[in-house]
C-alpha atoms as a PDB file:
ATOM      1  CA  MET A   1       0.000   0.000   0.000  1.00  0.00           C
ATOM      2  CA  SER A   2       1.068   3.527  -0.594  1.00  0.00           C
ATOM      3  CA  SER A   3       2.101   5.658   2.316  1.00  0.00           C
ATOM      4  CA  SER A   4      -0.272   8.337   3.562  1.00  0.00           C
ATOM      5  CA  PRO A   5      -0.040  11.333   5.856  1.00  0.00           C
ATOM      6  CA  ASP A   6      -0.466  10.510   9.520  1.00  0.00           C
ATOM      7  CA  PRO A   7      -3.888  11.860  10.574  1.00  0.00           C
ATOM      8  CA  ASP A   8      -2.532  12.607  14.037  1.00  0.00           C
ATOM      9  CA  THR A   9       0.335  15.043  13.674  1.00  0.00           C
ATOM     10  CA  PRO A  10       1.801  17.605  16.086  1.00  0.00           C
ATOM     11  CA  HIS A  11       0.479  20.335  13.797  1.00  0.00           C
ATOM     12  CA  ASP A  12      -3.117  19.871  14.957  1.00  0.00           C
ATOM     13  CA  ARG A  13      -4.423  23.095  16.445  1.00  0.00           C
ATOM     14  CA  ALA A  14      -6.811  23.782  19.291  1.00  0.00           C
ATOM     15  CA  MET A  15     -10.291  25.145  18.700  1.00  0.00           C
ATOM     16  CA  THR A  16     -12.110  26.320  21.780  1.00  0.00           C
ATOM     17  CA  GLY A  17     -15.691  25.353  22.438  1.00  0.00           C
ATOM     18  CA  ASN A  18     -16.892  28.944  22.014  1.00  0.00           C
ATOM     19  CA  GLY A  19     -16.149  28.947  18.283  1.00  0.00           C
ATOM     20  CA  ALA A  20     -12.968  31.033  18.349  1.00  0.00           C
ATOM     21  CA  THR A  21     -11.444  31.256  14.878  1.00  0.00           C
ATOM     22  CA  LEU A  22      -7.962  30.127  13.931  1.00  0.00           C
ATOM     23  CA  PRO A  23      -5.298  32.693  13.117  1.00  0.00           C
ATOM     24  CA  ALA A  24      -4.689  33.015   9.393  1.00  0.00           C
ATOM     25  CA  ALA A  25      -1.142  31.694   9.849  1.00  0.00           C
ATOM     26  CA  ASP A  26      -2.536  28.365  11.023  1.00  0.00           C
ATOM     27  CA  ARG A  27      -4.169  27.666   7.673  1.00  0.00           C
ATOM     28  CA  SER A  28      -2.266  26.267   4.723  1.00  0.00           C
ATOM     29  CA  ALA A  29      -1.115  28.666   2.023  1.00  0.00           C
ATOM     30  CA  ASP A  30      -1.887  25.965  -0.556  1.00  0.00           C
ATOM     31  CA  PRO A  31      -5.673  25.915  -1.031  1.00  0.00           C
ATOM     32  CA  ALA A  32      -5.614  22.195  -1.863  1.00  0.00           C
ATOM     33  CA  THR A  33      -3.707  21.258   1.303  1.00  0.00           C
ATOM     34  CA  PRO A  34      -5.937  20.978   4.370  1.00  0.00           C
ATOM     35  CA  GLY A  35      -5.292  22.723   7.627  1.00  0.00           C
ATOM     36  CA  ARG A  36      -6.017  21.138  11.001  1.00  0.00           C
ATOM     37  CA  GLU A  37      -8.373  21.951  13.839  1.00  0.00           C
ATOM     38  CA  VAL A  38      -9.227  20.365  17.161  1.00  0.00           C
ATOM     39  CA  ILE A  39     -12.873  20.885  18.094  1.00  0.00           C
ATOM     40  CA  ASP A  40     -13.692  20.671  21.801  1.00  0.00           C
ATOM     41  CA  LEU A  41     -17.371  19.799  22.219  1.00  0.00           C
ATOM     42  CA  GLY A  42     -17.052  19.549  25.991  1.00  0.00           C
ATOM     43  CA  TYR A  43     -17.920  15.855  26.169  1.00  0.00           C
ATOM     44  CA  ILE A  44     -15.671  14.758  23.280  1.00  0.00           C
ATOM     45  CA  THR A  45     -12.796  16.212  21.244  1.00  0.00           C
ATOM     46  CA  LEU A  46     -12.774  15.805  17.473  1.00  0.00           C
ATOM     47  CA  HIS A  47      -9.887  16.445  15.085  1.00  0.00           C
ATOM     48  CA  ALA A  48     -10.687  17.833  11.653  1.00  0.00           C
ATOM     49  CA  LEU A  49      -9.217  18.752   8.290  1.00  0.00           C
ATOM     50  CA  THR A  50     -10.027  22.260   7.074  1.00  0.00           C
ATOM     51  CA  TRP A  51     -10.055  24.299   3.887  1.00  0.00           C
ATOM     52  CA  GLY A  52     -11.030  27.866   3.124  1.00  0.00           C
ATOM     53  CA  PRO A  53     -11.287  31.196   4.959  1.00  0.00           C
ATOM     54  CA  ALA A  54     -11.901  31.182   8.696  1.00  0.00           C
ATOM     55  CA  ASP A  55     -14.691  33.741   8.286  1.00  0.00           C
ATOM     56  CA  GLY A  56     -16.575  31.975   5.470  1.00  0.00           C
ATOM     57  CA  PRO A  57     -19.967  30.298   5.853  1.00  0.00           C
ATOM     58  CA  LEU A  58     -19.483  26.951   7.574  1.00  0.00           C
ATOM     59  CA  ALA A  59     -19.581  23.689   5.611  1.00  0.00           C
ATOM     60  CA  VAL A  60     -19.227  20.546   7.752  1.00  0.00           C
ATOM     61  CA  CYS A  61     -18.379  17.319   5.883  1.00  0.00           C
ATOM     62  CA  LEU A  62     -18.937  13.927   7.536  1.00  0.00           C
ATOM     63  CA  HIS A  63     -17.323  10.703   6.296  1.00  0.00           C
ATOM     64  CA  GLY A  64     -18.563   7.116   6.523  1.00  0.00           C
ATOM     65  CA  PHE A  65     -17.120   3.581   6.804  1.00  0.00           C
ATOM     66  CA  PRO A  66     -14.520   2.411   5.962  1.00  0.00           C
ATOM     67  CA  ASP A  67     -13.260   5.921   5.320  1.00  0.00           C
ATOM     68  CA  SER A  68     -11.854   9.051   6.945  1.00  0.00           C
ATOM     69  CA  ALA A  69     -11.958  12.835   6.709  1.00  0.00           C
ATOM     70  CA  TRP A  70      -9.511  12.585   3.798  1.00  0.00           C
ATOM     71  CA  THR A  71     -12.410  11.484   1.601  1.00  0.00           C
ATOM     72  CA  TRP A  72     -13.239  15.212   1.219  1.00  0.00           C
ATOM     73  CA  ARG A  73      -9.845  16.133  -0.275  1.00  0.00           C
ATOM     74  CA  PHE A  74     -11.441  16.979  -3.666  1.00  0.00           C
ATOM     75  CA  LEU A  75     -14.644  18.669  -2.493  1.00  0.00           C
ATOM     76  CA  GLY A  76     -13.006  20.679   0.305  1.00  0.00           C
ATOM     77  CA  PRO A  77     -10.896  22.911  -1.971  1.00  0.00           C
ATOM     78  CA  GLU A  78     -13.862  23.496  -4.314  1.00  0.00           C
ATOM     79  CA  LEU A  79     -16.109  24.645  -1.485  1.00  0.00           C
ATOM     80  CA  ALA A  80     -13.245  26.765  -0.147  1.00  0.00           C
ATOM     81  CA  ALA A  81     -12.850  28.401  -3.562  1.00  0.00           C
ATOM     82  CA  ALA A  82     -16.545  29.314  -3.335  1.00  0.00           C
ATOM     83  CA  GLY A  83     -15.810  31.065  -0.025  1.00  0.00           C
ATOM     84  CA  HIS A  84     -16.781  28.381   2.481  1.00  0.00           C
ATOM     85  CA  ARG A  85     -15.000  27.490   5.682  1.00  0.00           C
ATOM     86  CA  VAL A  86     -14.859  23.706   5.257  1.00  0.00           C
ATOM     87  CA  VAL A  87     -14.435  21.496   8.323  1.00  0.00           C
ATOM     88  CA  ALA A  88     -14.189  17.717   7.864  1.00  0.00           C
ATOM     89  CA  PRO A  89     -13.960  15.965  11.243  1.00  0.00           C
ATOM     90  CA  PHE A  90     -12.762  12.464  11.899  1.00  0.00           C
ATOM     91  CA  THR A  91     -16.047  11.355  13.447  1.00  0.00           C
ATOM     92  CA  ARG A  92     -16.266   9.940  16.970  1.00  0.00           C
ATOM     93  CA  GLY A  93     -14.034   6.939  17.468  1.00  0.00           C
ATOM     94  CA  TYR A  94     -11.907   7.470  14.349  1.00  0.00           C
ATOM     95  CA  ALA A  95      -8.317   8.476  15.151  1.00  0.00           C
ATOM     96  CA  PRO A  96      -7.136  11.045  15.934  1.00  0.00           C
ATOM     97  CA  SER A  97     -10.566  12.000  17.317  1.00  0.00           C
ATOM     98  CA  ASP A  98     -11.588  10.778  20.757  1.00  0.00           C
ATOM     99  CA  ILE A  99     -13.293   7.507  21.508  1.00  0.00           C
ATOM    100  CA  PRO A 100     -16.340   8.726  23.462  1.00  0.00           C
ATOM    101  CA  ALA A 101     -16.454   7.869  27.133  1.00  0.00           C
ATOM    102  CA  ASP A 102     -20.103   6.801  26.794  1.00  0.00           C
ATOM    103  CA  LYS A 103     -19.179   4.303  24.023  1.00  0.00           C
ATOM    104  CA  ASP A 104     -22.370   5.344  22.211  1.00  0.00           C
ATOM    105  CA  PHE A 105     -22.231   5.141  18.409  1.00  0.00           C
ATOM    106  CA  HIS A 106     -25.928   5.383  17.609  1.00  0.00           C
ATOM    107  CA  VAL A 107     -26.931   7.690  14.748  1.00  0.00           C
ATOM    108  CA  ALA A 108     -28.467   9.921  17.413  1.00  0.00           C
ATOM    109  CA  ALA A 109     -25.010  10.407  18.954  1.00  0.00           C
ATOM    110  CA  LEU A 110     -23.535  11.228  15.538  1.00  0.00           C
ATOM    111  CA  ALA A 111     -26.311  13.751  14.870  1.00  0.00           C
ATOM    112  CA  HIS A 112     -25.769  15.326  18.294  1.00  0.00           C
ATOM    113  CA  ASP A 113     -22.062  15.712  17.473  1.00  0.00           C
ATOM    114  CA  ALA A 114     -22.880  17.385  14.148  1.00  0.00           C
ATOM    115  CA  ARG A 115     -25.238  19.807  15.844  1.00  0.00           C
ATOM    116  CA  GLU A 116     -22.653  20.608  18.516  1.00  0.00           C
ATOM    117  CA  ILE A 117     -19.950  21.141  15.869  1.00  0.00           C
ATOM    118  CA  HIS A 118     -22.126  23.918  14.432  1.00  0.00           C
ATOM    119  CA  ARG A 119     -22.371  25.507  17.880  1.00  0.00           C
ATOM    120  CA  ALA A 120     -18.700  25.101  18.769  1.00  0.00           C
ATOM    121  CA  LEU A 121     -17.502  26.583  15.479  1.00  0.00           C
ATOM    122  CA  GLY A 122     -19.914  29.499  15.597  1.00  0.00           C
ATOM    123  CA  GLY A 123     -21.803  28.375  12.497  1.00  0.00           C
ATOM    124  CA  GLY A 124     -24.347  30.811  11.130  1.00  0.00           C
ATOM    125  CA  PRO A 125     -27.837  30.328   9.652  1.00  0.00           C
ATOM    126  CA  ASP A 126     -26.229  29.720   6.248  1.00  0.00           C
ATOM    127  CA  ALA A 127     -24.212  26.668   7.336  1.00  0.00           C
ATOM    128  CA  VAL A 128     -24.136  23.521   5.191  1.00  0.00           C
ATOM    129  CA  LEU A 129     -23.971  19.882   6.325  1.00  0.00           C
ATOM    130  CA  ILE A 130     -22.604  17.298   3.873  1.00  0.00           C
ATOM    131  CA  GLY A 131     -22.468  13.581   4.587  1.00  0.00           C
ATOM    132  CA  HIS A 132     -21.487  10.358   2.844  1.00  0.00           C
ATOM    133  CA  ASP A 133     -22.483   6.841   3.983  1.00  0.00           C
ATOM    134  CA  TRP A 134     -22.762   7.065   7.809  1.00  0.00           C
ATOM    135  CA  GLY A 135     -22.320  10.795   7.343  1.00  0.00           C
ATOM    136  CA  ALA A 136     -25.387  10.718   5.097  1.00  0.00           C
ATOM    137  CA  LEU A 137     -27.450   8.957   7.769  1.00  0.00           C
ATOM    138  CA  THR A 138     -26.313  11.643  10.194  1.00  0.00           C
ATOM    139  CA  ALA A 139     -27.152  14.475   7.789  1.00  0.00           C
ATOM    140  CA  ASN A 140     -30.543  12.930   6.980  1.00  0.00           C
ATOM    141  CA  ALA A 141     -31.298  12.726  10.712  1.00  0.00           C
ATOM    142  CA  LEU A 142     -30.634  16.430  11.275  1.00  0.00           C
ATOM    143  CA  ALA A 143     -32.494  17.324   8.078  1.00  0.00           C
ATOM    144  CA  HIS A 144     -35.604  15.833   9.708  1.00  0.00           C
ATOM    145  CA  ARG A 145     -35.443  18.096  12.751  1.00  0.00           C
ATOM    146  CA  GLU A 146     -37.231  21.416  12.981  1.00  0.00           C
ATOM    147  CA  ASP A 147     -34.319  22.771  15.043  1.00  0.00           C
ATOM    148  CA  ASN A 148     -31.665  21.691  12.526  1.00  0.00           C
ATOM    149  CA  PRO A 149     -29.008  24.449  12.658  1.00  0.00           C
ATOM    150  CA  TYR A 150     -27.900  23.791   9.059  1.00  0.00           C
ATOM    151  CA  ALA A 151     -29.705  25.626   6.276  1.00  0.00           C
ATOM    152  CA  VAL A 152     -28.798  23.076   3.606  1.00  0.00           C
ATOM    153  CA  VAL A 153     -28.067  19.346   3.727  1.00  0.00           C
ATOM    154  CA  VAL A 154     -26.247  17.256   1.129  1.00  0.00           C
ATOM    155  CA  SER A 155     -26.296  13.483   1.562  1.00  0.00           C
ATOM    156  CA  MET A 156     -24.723  10.806  -0.589  1.00  0.00           C
ATOM    157  CA  ALA A 157     -24.859   7.029  -1.008  1.00  0.00           C
ATOM    158  CA  VAL A 158     -27.497   6.271   1.675  1.00  0.00           C
ATOM    159  CA  PRO A 159     -31.002   7.526   0.781  1.00  0.00           C
ATOM    160  CA  PRO A 160     -33.384   8.799   3.443  1.00  0.00           C
ATOM    161  CA  ILE A 161     -34.904   5.765   5.165  1.00  0.00           C
ATOM    162  CA  PRO A 162     -38.499   6.588   4.062  1.00  0.00           C
ATOM    163  CA  ALA A 163     -37.318   6.462   0.428  1.00  0.00           C
ATOM    164  CA  ILE A 164     -35.692   3.063   1.002  1.00  0.00           C
ATOM    165  CA  ARG A 165     -38.878   1.751   2.582  1.00  0.00           C
ATOM    166  CA  ARG A 166     -40.958   2.883  -0.384  1.00  0.00           C
ATOM    167  CA  ALA A 167     -38.589   1.217  -2.830  1.00  0.00           C
ATOM    168  CA  ALA A 168     -38.648  -1.963  -0.762  1.00  0.00           C
ATOM    169  CA  THR A 169     -42.449  -2.218  -1.047  1.00  0.00           C
ATOM    170  CA  ASP A 170     -42.842  -1.032  -4.640  1.00  0.00           C
ATOM    171  CA  GLY A 171     -44.433  -3.920  -6.519  1.00  0.00           C
ATOM    172  CA  LEU A 172     -43.208  -7.391  -7.385  1.00  0.00           C
ATOM    173  CA  GLY A 173     -39.752  -6.140  -8.296  1.00  0.00           C
ATOM    174  CA  ALA A 174     -39.156  -5.265  -4.657  1.00  0.00           C
ATOM    175  CA  VAL A 175     -38.567  -8.931  -3.815  1.00  0.00           C
ATOM    176  CA  GLY A 176     -35.583  -9.171  -6.146  1.00  0.00           C
ATOM    177  CA  LEU A 177     -34.359  -5.764  -5.017  1.00  0.00           C
ATOM    178  CA  LEU A 178     -34.371  -6.815  -1.372  1.00  0.00           C
ATOM    179  CA  ALA A 179     -32.771 -10.185  -2.087  1.00  0.00           C
ATOM    180  CA  ARG A 180     -29.896  -8.607  -3.984  1.00  0.00           C
ATOM    181  CA  GLN A 181     -29.444  -5.882  -1.370  1.00  0.00           C
ATOM    182  CA  ALA A 182     -29.336  -8.457   1.418  1.00  0.00           C
ATOM    183  CA  ALA A 183     -26.471 -10.200  -0.378  1.00  0.00           C
ATOM    184  CA  MET A 184     -24.650  -6.907  -0.875  1.00  0.00           C
ATOM    185  CA  SER A 185     -25.133  -5.941   2.785  1.00  0.00           C
ATOM    186  CA  TRP A 186     -23.600  -9.088   4.294  1.00  0.00           C
ATOM    187  CA  TYR A 187     -20.867  -6.998   5.924  1.00  0.00           C
ATOM    188  CA  ILE A 188     -23.431  -5.283   8.202  1.00  0.00           C
ATOM    189  CA  GLY A 189     -24.191  -8.534   9.989  1.00  0.00           C
ATOM    190  CA  PHE A 190     -20.514  -9.478   9.997  1.00  0.00           C
ATOM    191  CA  ASN A 191     -19.547  -6.149  11.607  1.00  0.00           C
ATOM    192  CA  GLN A 192     -21.981  -6.825  14.449  1.00  0.00           C
ATOM    193  CA  LEU A 193     -20.249 -10.044  15.497  1.00  0.00           C
ATOM    194  CA  PRO A 194     -18.087  -9.974  18.655  1.00  0.00           C
ATOM    195  CA  TRP A 195     -14.256  -9.654  18.390  1.00  0.00           C
ATOM    196  CA  LEU A 196     -13.885 -11.257  14.910  1.00  0.00           C
ATOM    197  CA  PRO A 197     -14.447  -8.055  12.896  1.00  0.00           C
ATOM    198  CA  GLU A 198     -11.759  -6.228  14.896  1.00  0.00           C
ATOM    199  CA  ARG A 199      -9.274  -8.856  13.711  1.00  0.00           C
ATOM    200  CA  SER A 200     -10.540  -8.768  10.131  1.00  0.00           C
ATOM    201  CA  LEU A 201     -10.420  -5.100   9.122  1.00  0.00           C
ATOM    202  CA  GLY A 202      -7.008  -5.577   7.518  1.00  0.00           C
ATOM    203  CA  TRP A 203      -8.646  -7.563   4.714  1.00  0.00           C
ATOM    204  CA  LEU A 204     -12.236  -6.322   5.034  1.00  0.00           C
ATOM    205  CA  VAL A 205     -11.455  -2.651   4.382  1.00  0.00           C
ATOM    206  CA  PRO A 206      -9.569  -3.282   1.084  1.00  0.00           C
ATOM    207  CA  LEU A 207     -12.273  -5.768   0.034  1.00  0.00           C
ATOM    208  CA  LEU A 208     -15.095  -3.276   0.540  1.00  0.00           C
ATOM    209  CA  TRP A 209     -13.215  -0.555  -1.323  1.00  0.00           C
ATOM    210  CA  ARG A 210     -12.666  -2.923  -4.259  1.00  0.00           C
ATOM    211  CA  ARG A 211     -16.320  -3.907  -4.353  1.00  0.00           C
ATOM    212  CA  TRP A 212     -17.772  -0.483  -3.744  1.00  0.00           C
ATOM    213  CA  ARG A 213     -15.578   1.688  -5.958  1.00  0.00           C
ATOM    214  CA  LEU A 214     -16.353   2.068  -9.631  1.00  0.00           C
ATOM    215  CA  ARG A 215     -15.738  -1.088 -11.649  1.00  0.00           C
ATOM    216  CA  HIS A 216     -17.383  -0.025 -14.898  1.00  0.00           C
ATOM    217  CA  ARG A 217     -15.996  -1.778 -17.951  1.00  0.00           C
ATOM    218  CA  GLY A 218     -14.187   0.660 -20.197  1.00  0.00           C
ATOM    219  CA  GLN A 219     -13.547   3.135 -17.379  1.00  0.00           C
ATOM    220  CA  PRO A 220     -10.100   3.455 -15.769  1.00  0.00           C
ATOM    221  CA  ARG A 221     -10.120   1.879 -12.318  1.00  0.00           C
ATOM    222  CA  PRO A 222      -9.611   4.531  -9.631  1.00  0.00           C
ATOM    223  CA  ASP A 223      -6.624   4.222  -7.308  1.00  0.00           C
ATOM    224  CA  TYR A 224      -8.238   3.536  -3.953  1.00  0.00           C
ATOM    225  CA  ARG A 225      -5.024   2.662  -2.080  1.00  0.00           C
ATOM    226  CA  PRO A 226      -4.576   6.095  -0.430  1.00  0.00           C
ATOM    227  CA  ASP A 227      -8.131   5.924   0.891  1.00  0.00           C
ATOM    228  CA  ILE A 228      -7.558   2.443   2.305  1.00  0.00           C
ATOM    229  CA  ASP A 229      -4.397   3.716   4.003  1.00  0.00           C
ATOM    230  CA  HIS A 230      -6.230   6.679   5.517  1.00  0.00           C
ATOM    231  CA  ALA A 231      -9.104   4.488   6.705  1.00  0.00           C
ATOM    232  CA  LEU A 232      -6.803   1.939   8.326  1.00  0.00           C
ATOM    233  CA  SER A 233      -4.778   4.744   9.953  1.00  0.00           C
ATOM    234  CA  ALA A 234      -7.992   6.046  11.519  1.00  0.00           C
ATOM    235  CA  MET A 235      -8.634   2.539  12.918  1.00  0.00           C
ATOM    236  CA  SER A 236      -5.057   1.698  13.859  1.00  0.00           C
ATOM    237  CA  THR A 237      -5.704   0.461  17.417  1.00  0.00           C
ATOM    238  CA  ARG A 238      -8.108  -2.193  18.661  1.00  0.00           C
ATOM    239  CA  ALA A 239     -10.058   0.490  20.543  1.00  0.00           C
ATOM    240  CA  HIS A 240     -10.519   2.557  17.401  1.00  0.00           C
ATOM    241  CA  ARG A 241     -11.486  -0.521  15.395  1.00  0.00           C
ATOM    242  CA  SER A 242     -14.122  -1.380  17.976  1.00  0.00           C
ATOM    243  CA  ALA A 243     -15.361   2.208  17.857  1.00  0.00           C
ATOM    244  CA  ALA A 244     -15.794   2.202  14.065  1.00  0.00           C
ATOM    245  CA  LEU A 245     -17.562  -1.158  14.236  1.00  0.00           C
ATOM    246  CA  GLY A 246     -19.692   0.228  17.049  1.00  0.00           C
ATOM    247  CA  TYR A 247     -21.652   2.218  14.469  1.00  0.00           C
ATOM    248  CA  TYR A 248     -23.027  -1.088  13.143  1.00  0.00           C
ATOM    249  CA  ARG A 249     -23.496  -2.709  16.523  1.00  0.00           C
ATOM    250  CA  ALA A 250     -25.556   0.289  17.650  1.00  0.00           C
ATOM    251  CA  LEU A 251     -28.137  -0.549  14.968  1.00  0.00           C
ATOM    252  CA  ARG A 252     -29.400  -3.334  17.230  1.00  0.00           C
ATOM    253  CA  ARG A 253     -29.804  -1.043  20.220  1.00  0.00           C
ATOM    254  CA  ARG A 254     -33.151   0.593  20.887  1.00  0.00           C
ATOM    255  CA  ARG A 255     -31.805   2.741  23.724  1.00  0.00           C
ATOM    256  CA  THR A 256     -29.115   5.386  23.582  1.00  0.00           C
ATOM    257  CA  ASP A 257     -27.367   7.607  26.099  1.00  0.00           C
ATOM    258  CA  PRO A 258     -29.820  10.132  27.642  1.00  0.00           C
ATOM    259  CA  ARG A 259     -27.760  12.953  26.111  1.00  0.00           C
ATOM    260  CA  TYR A 260     -28.798  11.795  22.623  1.00  0.00           C
ATOM    261  CA  ALA A 261     -32.260  10.384  23.368  1.00  0.00           C
ATOM    262  CA  PRO A 262     -34.206  13.313  21.823  1.00  0.00           C
ATOM    263  CA  LEU A 263     -32.587  12.528  18.449  1.00  0.00           C
ATOM    264  CA  ARG A 264     -32.998   8.742  18.630  1.00  0.00           C
ATOM    265  CA  ASP A 265     -35.538   8.270  15.831  1.00  0.00           C
ATOM    266  CA  ASP A 266     -34.801  11.270  13.600  1.00  0.00           C
ATOM    267  CA  TRP A 267     -32.703   9.216  11.173  1.00  0.00           C
ATOM    268  CA  LEU A 268     -35.887   7.326  10.248  1.00  0.00           C
ATOM    269  CA  GLY A 269     -37.798  10.459   9.199  1.00  0.00           C
ATOM    270  CA  GLU A 270     -38.192  12.476   6.014  1.00  0.00           C
ATOM    271  CA  PRO A 271     -35.971  15.544   5.443  1.00  0.00           C
ATOM    272  CA  ARG A 272     -37.592  18.889   6.215  1.00  0.00           C
ATOM    273  CA  CYS A 273     -34.937  21.300   4.951  1.00  0.00           C
ATOM    274  CA  PRO A 274     -33.582  21.813   1.405  1.00  0.00           C
ATOM    275  CA  THR A 275     -31.660  18.633   0.667  1.00  0.00           C
ATOM    276  CA  LEU A 276     -29.492  17.489  -2.229  1.00  0.00           C
ATOM    277  CA  TYR A 277     -29.271  13.728  -2.554  1.00  0.00           C
ATOM    278  CA  LEU A 278     -26.667  12.058  -4.808  1.00  0.00           C
ATOM    279  CA  HIS A 279     -26.045   8.380  -5.555  1.00  0.00           C
ATOM    280  CA  GLY A 280     -23.666   6.477  -7.822  1.00  0.00           C
ATOM    281  CA  ALA A 281     -25.345   4.530 -10.618  1.00  0.00           C
ATOM    282  CA  ASP A 282     -22.865   1.653 -10.158  1.00  0.00           C
ATOM    283  CA  ASP A 283     -22.863   1.668  -6.354  1.00  0.00           C
ATOM    284  CA  GLY A 284     -21.655  -1.728  -5.117  1.00  0.00           C
ATOM    285  CA  CYS A 285     -22.860  -1.079  -1.562  1.00  0.00           C
ATOM    286  CA  MET A 286     -26.430   0.170  -2.058  1.00  0.00           C
ATOM    287  CA  GLN A 287     -28.284  -0.353  -5.325  1.00  0.00           C
ATOM    288  CA  SER A 288     -29.237   2.798  -7.177  1.00  0.00           C
ATOM    289  CA  ARG A 289     -32.810   1.456  -7.459  1.00  0.00           C
ATOM    290  CA  LEU A 290     -33.182   2.274  -3.773  1.00  0.00           C
ATOM    291  CA  THR A 291     -33.268   5.921  -4.855  1.00  0.00           C
ATOM    292  CA  ASP A 292     -36.418   5.504  -6.981  1.00  0.00           C
ATOM    293  CA  HIS A 293     -38.584   7.307  -4.413  1.00  0.00           C
ATOM    294  CA  VAL A 294     -36.109   9.880  -3.113  1.00  0.00           C
ATOM    295  CA  HIS A 295     -37.919  12.685  -4.943  1.00  0.00           C
ATOM    296  CA  ASP A 296     -41.136  11.667  -3.168  1.00  0.00           C
ATOM    297  CA  VAL A 297     -39.719  12.272   0.325  1.00  0.00           C
ATOM    298  CA  LEU A 298     -37.667  15.442  -0.214  1.00  0.00           C
ATOM    299  CA  PRO A 299     -39.149  18.843   0.662  1.00  0.00           C
ATOM    300  CA  HIS A 300     -39.567  21.831  -1.635  1.00  0.00           C
ATOM    301  CA  GLY A 301     -36.276  23.328  -2.782  1.00  0.00           C
ATOM    302  CA  SER A 302     -34.515  19.967  -2.850  1.00  0.00           C
ATOM    303  CA  ALA A 303     -32.839  18.064  -5.671  1.00  0.00           C
ATOM    304  CA  ALA A 304     -31.527  14.586  -6.404  1.00  0.00           C
ATOM    305  CA  ALA A 305     -29.429  12.830  -9.016  1.00  0.00           C
ATOM    306  CA  VAL A 306     -27.930   9.457  -9.777  1.00  0.00           C
ATOM    307  CA  ILE A 307     -24.423   9.956 -11.145  1.00  0.00           C
ATOM    308  CA  ALA A 308     -23.524   7.798 -14.142  1.00  0.00           C
ATOM    309  CA  ASN A 309     -20.225   5.883 -14.101  1.00  0.00           C
ATOM    310  CA  ALA A 310     -19.843   6.314 -10.330  1.00  0.00           C
ATOM    311  CA  GLY A 311     -19.768   3.803  -7.484  1.00  0.00           C
ATOM    312  CA  HIS A 312     -20.415   4.122  -3.759  1.00  0.00           C
ATOM    313  CA  PHE A 313     -17.663   6.735  -3.392  1.00  0.00           C
ATOM    314  CA  LEU A 314     -19.137   8.890  -6.138  1.00  0.00           C
ATOM    315  CA  HIS A 315     -17.409  12.053  -4.877  1.00  0.00           C
ATOM    316  CA  LEU A 316     -14.075  10.302  -5.553  1.00  0.00           C
ATOM    317  CA  ASP A 317     -15.084   8.491  -8.749  1.00  0.00           C
ATOM    318  CA  ARG A 318     -16.536  11.613 -10.438  1.00  0.00           C
ATOM    319  CA  PRO A 319     -15.188  14.522  -8.394  1.00  0.00           C
ATOM    320  CA  ALA A 320     -15.526  17.241 -11.033  1.00  0.00           C
ATOM    321  CA  GLU A 321     -19.185  16.456 -11.723  1.00  0.00           C
ATOM    322  CA  VAL A 322     -20.181  15.870  -8.106  1.00  0.00           C
ATOM    323  CA  ASN A 323     -18.330  18.957  -6.860  1.00  0.00           C
ATOM    324  CA  LYS A 324     -20.029  21.148  -9.451  1.00  0.00           C
ATOM    325  CA  ILE A 325     -23.500  19.873  -8.520  1.00  0.00           C
ATOM    326  CA  ILE A 326     -22.891  20.402  -4.802  1.00  0.00           C
ATOM    327  CA  VAL A 327     -21.356  23.866  -5.118  1.00  0.00           C
ATOM    328  CA  THR A 328     -24.122  24.978  -7.505  1.00  0.00           C
ATOM    329  CA  PHE A 329     -26.903  23.608  -5.310  1.00  0.00           C
ATOM    330  CA  VAL A 330     -25.507  25.227  -2.165  1.00  0.00           C
ATOM    331  CA  ALA A 331     -25.004  28.575  -3.901  1.00  0.00           C
ATOM    332  CA  ARG A 332     -28.509  28.603  -5.387  1.00  0.00           C
ATOM    333  CA  THR A 333     -30.165  27.522  -2.158  1.00  0.00           C
ATOM    334  CA  ARG A 334     -28.322  30.166  -0.138  1.00  0.00           C
ATOM    335  CA  GLY A 335     -29.351  32.658  -2.801  1.00  0.00           C
ATOM    336  CA  GLY A 336     -33.030  31.770  -2.421  1.00  0.00           C
ATOM    337  CA  GLN A 337     -33.337  30.110  -5.823  1.00  0.00           C
ATOM    338  CA  GLY A 338     -34.821  26.838  -4.636  1.00  0.00           C
ATOM    339  CA  GLY A 339     -31.742  24.688  -4.883  1.00  0.00           C
ATOM    340  CA  GLY A 340     -31.750  24.284  -8.623  1.00  0.00           C
ATOM    341  CA  THR A 341     -34.353  21.527  -8.665  1.00  0.00           C
ATOM    342  CA  GLY A 342     -35.005  21.998 -12.368  1.00  0.00           C
ATOM    343  CA  THR A 343     -31.535  20.915 -13.482  1.00  0.00           C
ATOM    344  CA  TYR A 344     -31.095  17.608 -11.644  1.00  0.00           C
ATOM    345  CA  SER A 345     -32.919  14.399 -12.415  1.00  0.00           C
ATOM    346  CA  PHE A 346     -32.422  10.660 -12.089  1.00  0.00           C
ATOM    347  CA  VAL A 347     -30.501   8.896 -14.832  1.00  0.00           C
ATOM    348  CA  ASP A 348     -30.277   5.236 -15.755  1.00  0.00           C
END
């Protein structure tokens, strides 16, 4: 595997819980090279990669599994060029961020973190929340809440749960859809087993990247080795591996820590704020047919698209196209133009 930058370097910088901004000198002179921040939420400390001006409108980017904050290395500079202050945390349990003392990895805990990041960083009413995979579940959860502090949500690769449920009950074809998805989702059950998954991530992470990245005949195969390196670095100890796997094990828990209880069921609801949903047509993790009813559950001012020749990591497979859609949607929504719903549609 190729070498990758250590996500935990001595150059990480402190960010106080009251949203104090970093001095300009602490941000990289190269717009494509991320800076570093440490975000103190009071109950947990998260490390993050950053791009863009410290006084720009906040854009928080949340990664999924098996991934890391480095997954935003293409989108971050584009949002920064549009004037955004981009913050991509290593989510709870992924090194160098803290493993939470409460050991809670429910989606409600992730959504609480995202809401507190907005508070800690002094996010304004024009803040944007972007999520992929588990980050998408988190973003979808906050999009359902009336008190969501983010004006715009972008989620990728995991549709809102109500859309999945509609697709799963849509006629006779739903039986085949569910059967195929169950076979594709075998890793979810595997990740919930005791102790064995912790010992297996060395082969499981590369396997999932191979199966989930674009494998379209006639298209050059993307180099996923740096992303595997970054993901494994973020899960380098047994404790961090257990934390990342805890996201899956929490799916079987009905109860969560009292701190997160008010957000427990929000991830199951329909979005209520302008939302852009994107999915790769060749996604090897979740079939693109599960997006058939996304338009039906999104509120006014939203948009959705299936990206041709893209897999589960569509923002890495087709960065130029995906970046343009996201930046355009965010700009139009912030400008009161309804999110550009007329220009995006589903494709085969």
